[in-house]
Amino acid sequence: MFAAIATGSLLPASDLPPPAFDGMDKLEHLFGYAVLSGWSVPLFAARRARVAALLAVIAFGVAIEGAQGVFTATREPDVLDALANATGALLGQLVAFTRCANALRARA
């Protein structure tokens, strides 16, 4: 999932479909990072491990935003994108506080 997000984030802007409406890209960031972060919940039962995974996902989101400014000519880093990434990562961790968290851990 990290590779898919990195690839999509570093593709030339012209290779991506135009957003359906203003702010759509922020929702995509929020959703993508929520899934990425939430995926760690069944992998890590311990709270400390989930916090480490959360921080890693947030750091990845910030690093990708920086990489857009360094490695691409058609993309630029956006603080609001980084904020949407971090918010999505936090939301993804909410899965840990639901009844389905134990069921997900049992299947992992």
C-alpha atoms as a PDB file:
ATOM      1  CA  MET A   1       0.000   0.000   0.000  1.00  0.00           C
ATOM      2  CA  PHE A   2       2.908   2.336   0.704  1.00  0.00           C
ATOM      3  CA  ALA A   3       4.231   1.758  -2.817  1.00  0.00           C
ATOM      4  CA  ALA A   4       0.821   2.432  -4.384  1.00  0.00           C
ATOM      5  CA  ILE A   5       0.439   5.701  -2.491  1.00  0.00           C
ATOM      6  CA  ALA A   6       4.016   6.770  -3.292  1.00  0.00           C
ATOM      7  CA  THR A   7       3.538   5.992  -6.974  1.00  0.00           C
ATOM      8  CA  GLY A   8       0.237   7.860  -7.179  1.00  0.00           C
ATOM      9  CA  SER A   9       1.682  10.805  -5.293  1.00  0.00           C
ATOM     10  CA  LEU A  10       4.713  11.147  -7.549  1.00  0.00           C
ATOM     11  CA  LEU A  11       3.058  10.632 -10.939  1.00  0.00           C
ATOM     12  CA  PRO A  12       2.954  13.686 -13.183  1.00  0.00           C
ATOM     13  CA  ALA A  13      -0.210  15.697 -12.583  1.00  0.00           C
ATOM     14  CA  SER A  14      -1.166  15.272 -16.244  1.00  0.00           C
ATOM     15  CA  ASP A  15      -1.342  11.483 -15.771  1.00  0.00           C
ATOM     16  CA  LEU A  16      -4.046  11.787 -13.121  1.00  0.00           C
ATOM     17  CA  PRO A  17      -7.754  12.320 -13.710  1.00  0.00           C
ATOM     18  CA  PRO A  18      -8.987  15.792 -12.823  1.00  0.00           C
ATOM     19  CA  PRO A  19     -10.751  16.001  -9.451  1.00  0.00           C
ATOM     20  CA  ALA A  20     -14.540  15.771  -9.605  1.00  0.00           C
ATOM     21  CA  PHE A  21     -14.860  18.839  -7.355  1.00  0.00           C
ATOM     22  CA  ASP A  22     -12.709  21.267  -5.363  1.00  0.00           C
ATOM     23  CA  GLY A  23     -11.292  19.534  -2.318  1.00  0.00           C
ATOM     24  CA  MET A  24     -11.648  16.050  -3.788  1.00  0.00           C
ATOM     25  CA  ASP A  25      -7.890  15.524  -3.549  1.00  0.00           C
ATOM     26  CA  LYS A  26      -8.013  16.212   0.196  1.00  0.00           C
ATOM     27  CA  LEU A  27     -10.689  13.522   0.602  1.00  0.00           C
ATOM     28  CA  GLU A  28      -8.531  11.128  -1.398  1.00  0.00           C
ATOM     29  CA  HIS A  29      -5.599  11.850   0.924  1.00  0.00           C
ATOM     30  CA  LEU A  30      -7.797  11.413   3.991  1.00  0.00           C
ATOM     31  CA  PHE A  31      -9.260   8.119   2.774  1.00  0.00           C
ATOM     32  CA  GLY A  32      -5.979   6.657   1.512  1.00  0.00           C
ATOM     33  CA  TYR A  33      -4.111   7.342   4.735  1.00  0.00           C
ATOM     34  CA  ALA A  34      -7.043   6.152   6.862  1.00  0.00           C
ATOM     35  CA  VAL A  35      -6.926   2.815   5.052  1.00  0.00           C
ATOM     36  CA  LEU A  36      -3.140   2.644   5.280  1.00  0.00           C
ATOM     37  CA  SER A  37      -3.175   3.373   9.006  1.00  0.00           C
ATOM     38  CA  GLY A  38      -6.234   1.265   9.757  1.00  0.00           C
ATOM     39  CA  TRP A  39      -4.543  -1.692   8.078  1.00  0.00           C
ATOM     40  CA  SER A  40      -2.006  -1.711  10.917  1.00  0.00           C
ATOM     41  CA  VAL A  41      -4.674  -2.274  13.583  1.00  0.00           C
ATOM     42  CA  PRO A  42      -5.054  -6.035  13.055  1.00  0.00           C
ATOM     43  CA  LEU A  43      -1.274  -6.381  12.733  1.00  0.00           C
ATOM     44  CA  PHE A  44      -0.429  -4.773  16.076  1.00  0.00           C
ATOM     45  CA  ALA A  45      -2.401  -5.586  19.221  1.00  0.00           C
ATOM     46  CA  ALA A  46      -0.199  -3.530  21.535  1.00  0.00           C
ATOM     47  CA  ARG A  47      -0.994   0.156  21.808  1.00  0.00           C
ATOM     48  CA  ARG A  48       2.682   1.125  21.654  1.00  0.00           C
ATOM     49  CA  ALA A  49       3.095  -0.723  18.337  1.00  0.00           C
ATOM     50  CA  ARG A  50      -0.017   0.951  16.900  1.00  0.00           C
ATOM     51  CA  VAL A  51       1.300   4.372  17.943  1.00  0.00           C
ATOM     52  CA  ALA A  52       4.609   3.575  16.239  1.00  0.00           C
ATOM     53  CA  ALA A  53       2.724   2.502  13.092  1.00  0.00           C
ATOM     54  CA  LEU A  54       0.639   5.698  13.229  1.00  0.00           C
ATOM     55  CA  LEU A  55       3.752   7.858  13.518  1.00  0.00           C
ATOM     56  CA  ALA A  56       5.369   5.978  10.638  1.00  0.00           C
ATOM     57  CA  VAL A  57       2.322   6.575   8.422  1.00  0.00           C
ATOM     58  CA  ILE A  58       2.263  10.280   9.336  1.00  0.00           C
ATOM     59  CA  ALA A  59       6.001  10.585   8.644  1.00  0.00           C
ATOM     60  CA  PHE A  60       5.513   8.825   5.317  1.00  0.00           C
ATOM     61  CA  GLY A  61       2.762  11.308   4.386  1.00  0.00           C
ATOM     62  CA  VAL A  62       4.978  14.271   5.220  1.00  0.00           C
ATOM     63  CA  ALA A  63       7.928  12.721   3.350  1.00  0.00           C
ATOM     64  CA  ILE A  64       5.803  12.109   0.247  1.00  0.00           C
ATOM     65  CA  GLU A  65       4.709  15.742   0.237  1.00  0.00           C
ATOM     66  CA  GLY A  66       8.364  16.800   0.401  1.00  0.00           C
ATOM     67  CA  ALA A  67       9.273  14.324  -2.333  1.00  0.00           C
ATOM     68  CA  GLN A  68       6.713  15.923  -4.633  1.00  0.00           C
ATOM     69  CA  GLY A  69       8.656  19.171  -4.452  1.00  0.00           C
ATOM     70  CA  VAL A  70      12.048  17.530  -4.895  1.00  0.00           C
ATOM     71  CA  PHE A  71      11.435  14.750  -7.423  1.00  0.00           C
ATOM     72  CA  THR A  72       8.642  16.061  -9.657  1.00  0.00           C
ATOM     73  CA  ALA A  73       8.267  19.057 -11.922  1.00  0.00           C
ATOM     74  CA  THR A  74       4.461  19.009 -12.061  1.00  0.00           C
ATOM     75  CA  ARG A  75       3.606  18.435  -8.398  1.00  0.00           C
ATOM     76  CA  GLU A  76       4.323  20.584  -5.392  1.00  0.00           C
ATOM     77  CA  PRO A  77       4.230  19.948  -1.656  1.00  0.00           C
ATOM     78  CA  ASP A  78       1.051  21.052   0.078  1.00  0.00           C
ATOM     79  CA  VAL A  79       0.708  21.543   3.832  1.00  0.00           C
ATOM     80  CA  LEU A  80      -3.036  20.877   3.579  1.00  0.00           C
ATOM     81  CA  ASP A  81      -2.329  17.546   1.864  1.00  0.00           C
ATOM     82  CA  ALA A  82       0.058  16.632   4.698  1.00  0.00           C
ATOM     83  CA  LEU A  83      -2.630  17.607   7.202  1.00  0.00           C
ATOM     84  CA  ALA A  84      -5.205  15.482   5.356  1.00  0.00           C
ATOM     85  CA  ASN A  85      -2.703  12.587   5.374  1.00  0.00           C
ATOM     86  CA  ALA A  86      -2.160  12.899   9.135  1.00  0.00           C
ATOM     87  CA  THR A  87      -5.877  13.262   9.846  1.00  0.00           C
ATOM     88  CA  GLY A  88      -6.605  10.173   7.777  1.00  0.00           C
ATOM     89  CA  ALA A  89      -3.892   8.262   9.642  1.00  0.00           C
ATOM     90  CA  LEU A  90      -5.472   9.238  12.963  1.00  0.00           C
ATOM     91  CA  LEU A  91      -8.942   8.274  11.760  1.00  0.00           C
ATOM     92  CA  GLY A  92      -7.659   4.904  10.581  1.00  0.00           C
ATOM     93  CA  GLN A  93      -6.517   4.104  14.099  1.00  0.00           C
ATOM     94  CA  LEU A  94     -10.079   4.513  15.376  1.00  0.00           C
ATOM     95  CA  VAL A  95     -10.696   0.977  14.106  1.00  0.00           C
ATOM     96  CA  ALA A  96      -8.759  -0.197  17.185  1.00  0.00           C
ATOM     97  CA  PHE A  97     -11.576   1.037  19.411  1.00  0.00           C
ATOM     98  CA  THR A  98     -14.353  -0.849  17.649  1.00  0.00           C
ATOM     99  CA  ARG A  99     -15.718  -4.326  18.238  1.00  0.00           C
ATOM    100  CA  CYS A 100     -14.394  -5.479  14.901  1.00  0.00           C
ATOM    101  CA  ALA A 101     -10.756  -4.851  15.923  1.00  0.00           C
ATOM    102  CA  ASN A 102     -10.472  -8.197  17.731  1.00  0.00           C
ATOM    103  CA  ALA A 103     -12.093 -10.009  14.812  1.00  0.00           C
ATOM    104  CA  LEU A 104      -9.634  -8.382  12.434  1.00  0.00           C
ATOM    105  CA  ARG A 105      -6.721  -9.392  14.673  1.00  0.00           C
ATOM    106  CA  ALA A 106      -7.961 -12.975  14.749  1.00  0.00           C
ATOM    107  CA  ARG A 107      -7.880 -13.094  10.936  1.00  0.00           C
ATOM    108  CA  ALA A 108      -4.492 -11.419  10.572  1.00  0.00           C
END
